[in-house]
Amino acid sequence: MNNTIRNTLGAASFFLCGALALSALEASARAADAGLPKQRVSYADLDISKPAGAKVLYNRIVAAAKQVCSFDGYKDLGTMHWVQVCTDRAIDNAVRDVDSPALSALRPGNATHLASN
């Protein structure tokens, strides 16, 4: 078999494996959203249409997400990655659910995070 065909087949195999891995990650991410832990965060005392109120609510959301996604067991890379993904998704979901432009503006990278949900 000549090198051009071998290289083409190798590249095709590489991209196919990548596509399959991405599909599996997307499916597991959607399934993980359904099982995310939840905690109610009150903001009845805040005017979230104002930047100061939105910032207080954002800080409450971040604190709640860190609390419900914390893990006191092993600190291996897989666990740390799961905690970060859980925290990011919980924050993204809460910001999206509140549906406040002032709050959404506080989420770093909110256009990419929210567009993926």
N, C-alpha and C. Protein backbone atom coordinates (compact mmCIF):
# COMPACT_ATOMS: atom_id res chain seq x y z
N MET A 1 0.86 -1.16 0.00
CA MET A 1 0.00 0.00 0.00
C MET A 1 0.91 1.23 0.00
N ASN A 2 0.60 2.21 -0.85
CA ASN A 2 1.50 3.35 -0.91
C ASN A 2 1.25 4.32 0.25
N ASN A 3 2.21 5.19 0.47
CA ASN A 3 2.16 6.08 1.64
C ASN A 3 0.98 7.04 1.61
N THR A 4 0.57 7.50 0.45
CA THR A 4 -0.55 8.45 0.36
C THR A 4 -1.83 7.79 0.86
N ILE A 5 -2.09 6.58 0.43
CA ILE A 5 -3.30 5.88 0.87
C ILE A 5 -3.21 5.58 2.36
N ARG A 6 -2.05 5.15 2.82
CA ARG A 6 -1.87 4.84 4.24
C ARG A 6 -2.09 6.09 5.08
N ASN A 7 -1.55 7.24 4.66
CA ASN A 7 -1.74 8.49 5.40
C ASN A 7 -3.20 8.93 5.39
N THR A 8 -3.86 8.76 4.24
CA THR A 8 -5.27 9.13 4.14
C THR A 8 -6.12 8.27 5.06
N LEU A 9 -5.89 6.98 5.07
CA LEU A 9 -6.62 6.09 5.96
C LEU A 9 -6.33 6.39 7.43
N GLY A 10 -5.10 6.70 7.73
CA GLY A 10 -4.74 7.05 9.11
C GLY A 10 -5.44 8.32 9.56
N ALA A 11 -5.47 9.33 8.69
CA ALA A 11 -6.14 10.58 9.04
C ALA A 11 -7.65 10.36 9.19
N ALA A 12 -8.24 9.58 8.29
CA ALA A 12 -9.67 9.31 8.37
C ALA A 12 -10.00 8.57 9.67
N SER A 13 -9.17 7.61 10.04
CA SER A 13 -9.38 6.88 11.30
C SER A 13 -9.28 7.80 12.50
N PHE A 14 -8.29 8.68 12.46
CA PHE A 14 -8.10 9.64 13.55
C PHE A 14 -9.33 10.54 13.70
N PHE A 15 -9.82 11.09 12.60
CA PHE A 15 -10.98 11.98 12.66
C PHE A 15 -12.26 11.23 13.05
N LEU A 16 -12.39 10.00 12.62
CA LEU A 16 -13.55 9.20 13.01
C LEU A 16 -13.54 8.94 14.51
N CYS A 17 -12.38 8.60 15.04
CA CYS A 17 -12.27 8.39 16.49
C CYS A 17 -12.59 9.68 17.25
N GLY A 18 -12.11 10.80 16.75
CA GLY A 18 -12.40 12.09 17.38
C GLY A 18 -13.88 12.40 17.36
N ALA A 19 -14.54 12.15 16.23
CA ALA A 19 -15.97 12.41 16.12
C ALA A 19 -16.77 11.52 17.07
N LEU A 20 -16.37 10.27 17.17
CA LEU A 20 -17.05 9.36 18.09
C LEU A 20 -16.85 9.79 19.54
N ALA A 21 -15.65 10.23 19.87
CA ALA A 21 -15.39 10.69 21.24
C ALA A 21 -16.21 11.92 21.56
N LEU A 22 -16.30 12.86 20.62
CA LEU A 22 -17.11 14.06 20.85
C LEU A 22 -18.58 13.72 21.00
N SER A 23 -19.07 12.79 20.22
CA SER A 23 -20.47 12.37 20.34
C SER A 23 -20.74 11.76 21.71
N ALA A 24 -19.82 10.94 22.17
CA ALA A 24 -19.98 10.32 23.49
C ALA A 24 -19.94 11.37 24.59
N LEU A 25 -19.05 12.35 24.47
CA LEU A 25 -18.97 13.41 25.47
C LEU A 25 -20.25 14.25 25.49
N GLU A 26 -20.79 14.56 24.33
CA GLU A 26 -22.02 15.34 24.25
C GLU A 26 -23.18 14.58 24.90
N ALA A 27 -23.28 13.30 24.62
CA ALA A 27 -24.35 12.49 25.21
C ALA A 27 -24.21 12.42 26.72
N SER A 28 -23.00 12.23 27.21
CA SER A 28 -22.80 12.15 28.66
C SER A 28 -23.01 13.50 29.32
N ALA A 29 -22.69 14.59 28.63
CA ALA A 29 -22.91 15.92 29.19
C ALA A 29 -24.40 16.20 29.33
N ARG A 30 -25.19 15.82 28.34
CA ARG A 30 -26.64 16.02 28.42
C ARG A 30 -27.24 15.16 29.54
N ALA A 31 -26.76 13.94 29.68
CA ALA A 31 -27.25 13.07 30.74
C ALA A 31 -26.84 13.62 32.11
N ALA A 32 -25.66 14.19 32.18
CA ALA A 32 -25.18 14.75 33.44
C ALA A 32 -26.01 15.95 33.87
N ASP A 33 -26.49 16.75 32.92
CA ASP A 33 -27.33 17.90 33.25
C ASP A 33 -28.58 17.46 33.99
N ALA A 34 -29.15 16.33 33.60
CA ALA A 34 -30.38 15.86 34.23
C ALA A 34 -30.14 15.49 35.69
N GLY A 35 -28.92 15.06 36.02
CA GLY A 35 -28.63 14.63 37.37
C GLY A 35 -27.86 15.65 38.20
N LEU A 36 -27.79 16.90 37.73
CA LEU A 36 -27.06 17.91 38.49
C LEU A 36 -27.72 18.14 39.84
N PRO A 37 -26.91 18.26 40.88
CA PRO A 37 -27.49 18.60 42.18
C PRO A 37 -28.09 20.00 42.12
N LYS A 38 -29.05 20.27 42.98
CA LYS A 38 -29.73 21.57 42.96
C LYS A 38 -29.77 22.17 44.35
N GLN A 39 -29.75 23.49 44.37
CA GLN A 39 -29.92 24.23 45.61
C GLN A 39 -30.62 25.53 45.25
N ARG A 40 -31.65 25.85 45.98
CA ARG A 40 -32.41 27.08 45.71
C ARG A 40 -31.59 28.28 46.21
N VAL A 41 -31.52 29.32 45.37
CA VAL A 41 -30.83 30.56 45.72
C VAL A 41 -31.87 31.67 45.65
N SER A 42 -32.11 32.33 46.77
CA SER A 42 -33.10 33.39 46.83
C SER A 42 -32.49 34.72 46.39
N TYR A 43 -33.28 35.48 45.66
CA TYR A 43 -32.86 36.83 45.30
C TYR A 43 -34.02 37.80 45.39
N ALA A 44 -35.00 37.47 46.24
CA ALA A 44 -36.16 38.34 46.43
C ALA A 44 -35.75 39.70 47.02
N ASP A 45 -34.65 39.73 47.73
CA ASP A 45 -34.18 40.96 48.35
C ASP A 45 -33.32 41.82 47.42
N LEU A 46 -33.14 41.39 46.17
CA LEU A 46 -32.23 42.08 45.25
C LEU A 46 -32.97 42.67 44.06
N ASP A 47 -32.45 43.77 43.54
CA ASP A 47 -32.92 44.32 42.27
C ASP A 47 -31.90 43.89 41.22
N ILE A 48 -32.17 42.76 40.58
CA ILE A 48 -31.18 42.20 39.64
C ILE A 48 -31.16 42.92 38.29
N SER A 49 -32.00 43.92 38.11
CA SER A 49 -31.91 44.71 36.89
C SER A 49 -30.75 45.70 36.99
N LYS A 50 -30.25 45.90 38.19
CA LYS A 50 -29.12 46.79 38.44
C LYS A 50 -27.84 45.95 38.57
N PRO A 51 -26.71 46.46 38.08
CA PRO A 51 -25.46 45.69 38.15
C PRO A 51 -25.08 45.24 39.56
N ALA A 52 -25.31 46.08 40.56
CA ALA A 52 -24.92 45.70 41.93
C ALA A 52 -25.75 44.51 42.42
N GLY A 53 -27.05 44.52 42.16
CA GLY A 53 -27.91 43.41 42.56
C GLY A 53 -27.58 42.14 41.81
N ALA A 54 -27.30 42.28 40.51
CA ALA A 54 -26.94 41.12 39.69
C ALA A 54 -25.63 40.51 40.18
N LYS A 55 -24.69 41.36 40.60
CA LYS A 55 -23.40 40.84 41.08
C LYS A 55 -23.58 40.06 42.38
N VAL A 56 -24.42 40.56 43.28
CA VAL A 56 -24.67 39.84 44.53
C VAL A 56 -25.30 38.48 44.22
N LEU A 57 -26.28 38.46 43.31
CA LEU A 57 -26.91 37.20 42.94
C LEU A 57 -25.91 36.26 42.29
N TYR A 58 -25.08 36.77 41.41
CA TYR A 58 -24.08 35.93 40.75
C TYR A 58 -23.16 35.28 41.78
N ASN A 59 -22.73 36.06 42.77
CA ASN A 59 -21.87 35.50 43.82
C ASN A 59 -22.60 34.43 44.62
N ARG A 60 -23.88 34.61 44.87
CA ARG A 60 -24.67 33.59 45.57
C ARG A 60 -24.77 32.31 44.72
N ILE A 61 -24.97 32.48 43.43
CA ILE A 61 -25.08 31.33 42.52
C ILE A 61 -23.76 30.57 42.49
N VAL A 62 -22.65 31.28 42.38
CA VAL A 62 -21.33 30.63 42.36
C VAL A 62 -21.09 29.86 43.66
N ALA A 63 -21.42 30.49 44.79
CA ALA A 63 -21.22 29.82 46.08
C ALA A 63 -22.08 28.56 46.19
N ALA A 64 -23.33 28.65 45.75
CA ALA A 64 -24.22 27.49 45.80
C ALA A 64 -23.72 26.38 44.88
N ALA A 65 -23.26 26.74 43.69
CA ALA A 65 -22.76 25.74 42.74
C ALA A 65 -21.53 25.04 43.30
N LYS A 66 -20.64 25.80 43.91
CA LYS A 66 -19.45 25.19 44.52
C LYS A 66 -19.82 24.27 45.67
N GLN A 67 -20.84 24.65 46.41
CA GLN A 67 -21.27 23.82 47.54
C GLN A 67 -21.89 22.51 47.07
N VAL A 68 -22.81 22.56 46.11
CA VAL A 68 -23.49 21.33 45.70
C VAL A 68 -22.60 20.44 44.84
N CYS A 69 -21.59 21.01 44.22
CA CYS A 69 -20.70 20.21 43.36
C CYS A 69 -19.41 19.82 44.06
N SER A 70 -19.27 20.16 45.33
CA SER A 70 -18.03 19.83 46.03
C SER A 70 -17.94 18.32 46.24
N PHE A 71 -16.72 17.87 46.39
CA PHE A 71 -16.47 16.45 46.62
C PHE A 71 -15.31 16.35 47.60
N ASP A 72 -15.55 15.73 48.74
CA ASP A 72 -14.53 15.65 49.78
C ASP A 72 -13.70 14.38 49.71
N GLY A 73 -13.86 13.63 48.65
CA GLY A 73 -13.10 12.38 48.51
C GLY A 73 -11.76 12.62 47.87
N TYR A 74 -11.38 11.72 46.99
CA TYR A 74 -10.10 11.79 46.30
C TYR A 74 -10.01 13.05 45.45
N LYS A 75 -8.83 13.59 45.34
CA LYS A 75 -8.59 14.80 44.54
C LYS A 75 -7.81 14.46 43.27
N ASP A 76 -8.21 13.41 42.59
CA ASP A 76 -7.54 13.05 41.35
C ASP A 76 -8.06 13.94 40.23
N LEU A 77 -7.40 13.89 39.08
CA LEU A 77 -7.77 14.77 37.96
C LEU A 77 -9.18 14.53 37.47
N GLY A 78 -9.63 13.29 37.45
CA GLY A 78 -10.98 13.00 37.00
C GLY A 78 -12.03 13.62 37.90
N THR A 79 -11.81 13.52 39.20
CA THR A 79 -12.75 14.11 40.15
C THR A 79 -12.73 15.63 40.06
N MET A 80 -11.54 16.19 39.97
CA MET A 80 -11.43 17.65 39.87
C MET A 80 -12.10 18.15 38.58
N HIS A 81 -11.96 17.40 37.52
CA HIS A 81 -12.61 17.78 36.26
C HIS A 81 -14.13 17.71 36.41
N TRP A 82 -14.63 16.64 37.03
CA TRP A 82 -16.08 16.50 37.22
C TRP A 82 -16.61 17.66 38.06
N VAL A 83 -15.90 18.03 39.14
CA VAL A 83 -16.33 19.13 40.01
C VAL A 83 -16.39 20.42 39.20
N GLN A 84 -15.39 20.68 38.35
CA GLN A 84 -15.38 21.91 37.55
C GLN A 84 -16.52 21.91 36.53
N VAL A 85 -16.74 20.79 35.87
CA VAL A 85 -17.84 20.70 34.89
C VAL A 85 -19.18 20.88 35.59
N CYS A 86 -19.36 20.22 36.71
CA CYS A 86 -20.60 20.34 37.49
C CYS A 86 -20.84 21.79 37.89
N THR A 87 -19.81 22.44 38.42
CA THR A 87 -19.93 23.83 38.86
C THR A 87 -20.27 24.75 37.70
N ASP A 88 -19.55 24.59 36.58
CA ASP A 88 -19.81 25.44 35.40
C ASP A 88 -21.24 25.25 34.88
N ARG A 89 -21.68 24.02 34.80
CA ARG A 89 -23.03 23.75 34.29
C ARG A 89 -24.10 24.27 35.24
N ALA A 90 -23.86 24.13 36.54
CA ALA A 90 -24.83 24.62 37.51
C ALA A 90 -24.95 26.15 37.42
N ILE A 91 -23.82 26.83 37.30
CA ILE A 91 -23.83 28.29 37.16
C ILE A 91 -24.52 28.68 35.86
N ASP A 92 -24.13 28.04 34.77
CA ASP A 92 -24.75 28.36 33.47
C ASP A 92 -26.26 28.16 33.50
N ASN A 93 -26.70 27.05 34.07
CA ASN A 93 -28.14 26.77 34.13
C ASN A 93 -28.87 27.79 34.99
N ALA A 94 -28.29 28.16 36.12
CA ALA A 94 -28.93 29.14 37.00
C ALA A 94 -29.02 30.50 36.32
N VAL A 95 -27.94 30.93 35.69
CA VAL A 95 -27.94 32.22 34.99
C VAL A 95 -28.98 32.20 33.87
N ARG A 96 -29.04 31.11 33.14
CA ARG A 96 -30.02 31.00 32.06
C ARG A 96 -31.45 31.01 32.61
N ASP A 97 -31.69 30.30 33.71
CA ASP A 97 -33.03 30.22 34.29
C ASP A 97 -33.51 31.58 34.81
N VAL A 98 -32.63 32.38 35.37
CA VAL A 98 -33.01 33.69 35.87
C VAL A 98 -33.35 34.62 34.71
N ASP A 99 -32.64 34.47 33.60
CA ASP A 99 -32.93 35.22 32.37
C ASP A 99 -32.87 36.73 32.60
N SER A 100 -31.76 37.19 33.17
CA SER A 100 -31.54 38.61 33.39
C SER A 100 -30.32 39.05 32.59
N PRO A 101 -30.45 40.04 31.73
CA PRO A 101 -29.29 40.52 30.96
C PRO A 101 -28.14 40.98 31.86
N ALA A 102 -28.46 41.64 32.97
CA ALA A 102 -27.41 42.10 33.88
C ALA A 102 -26.66 40.93 34.50
N LEU A 103 -27.38 39.87 34.82
CA LEU A 103 -26.75 38.67 35.40
C LEU A 103 -25.95 37.93 34.33
N SER A 104 -26.52 37.78 33.15
CA SER A 104 -25.83 37.08 32.06
C SER A 104 -24.53 37.77 31.69
N ALA A 105 -24.49 39.08 31.79
CA ALA A 105 -23.28 39.83 31.44
C ALA A 105 -22.13 39.53 32.39
N LEU A 106 -22.43 39.03 33.58
CA LEU A 106 -21.39 38.73 34.56
C LEU A 106 -20.73 37.37 34.34
N ARG A 107 -21.35 36.52 33.55
CA ARG A 107 -20.81 35.16 33.33
C ARG A 107 -19.73 35.21 32.27
N PRO A 108 -18.47 34.96 32.65
CA PRO A 108 -17.39 34.96 31.66
C PRO A 108 -17.67 33.96 30.54
N GLY A 109 -17.56 34.42 29.32
CA GLY A 109 -17.80 33.53 28.18
C GLY A 109 -19.24 33.12 28.06
N ASN A 110 -20.17 33.94 28.54
CA ASN A 110 -21.57 33.53 28.60
C ASN A 110 -22.14 33.21 27.23
N ALA A 111 -21.64 33.83 26.17
CA ALA A 111 -22.19 33.55 24.84
C ALA A 111 -21.91 32.10 24.44
N THR A 112 -20.71 31.61 24.71
CA THR A 112 -20.40 30.23 24.35
C THR A 112 -21.03 29.25 25.31
N HIS A 113 -21.03 29.58 26.60
CA HIS A 113 -21.64 28.66 27.58
C HIS A 113 -23.13 28.51 27.34
N LEU A 114 -23.82 29.64 27.18
CA LEU A 114 -25.26 29.58 27.07
C LEU A 114 -25.70 29.07 25.71
N ALA A 115 -24.94 29.34 24.67
CA ALA A 115 -25.32 28.88 23.35
C ALA A 115 -25.23 27.35 23.23
N SER A 116 -24.42 26.73 24.08
CA SER A 116 -24.26 25.28 23.99
C SER A 116 -25.37 24.52 24.69
N ASN A 117 -26.20 25.20 25.47
CA ASN A 117 -27.28 24.52 26.20
C ASN A 117 -28.54 24.44 25.42
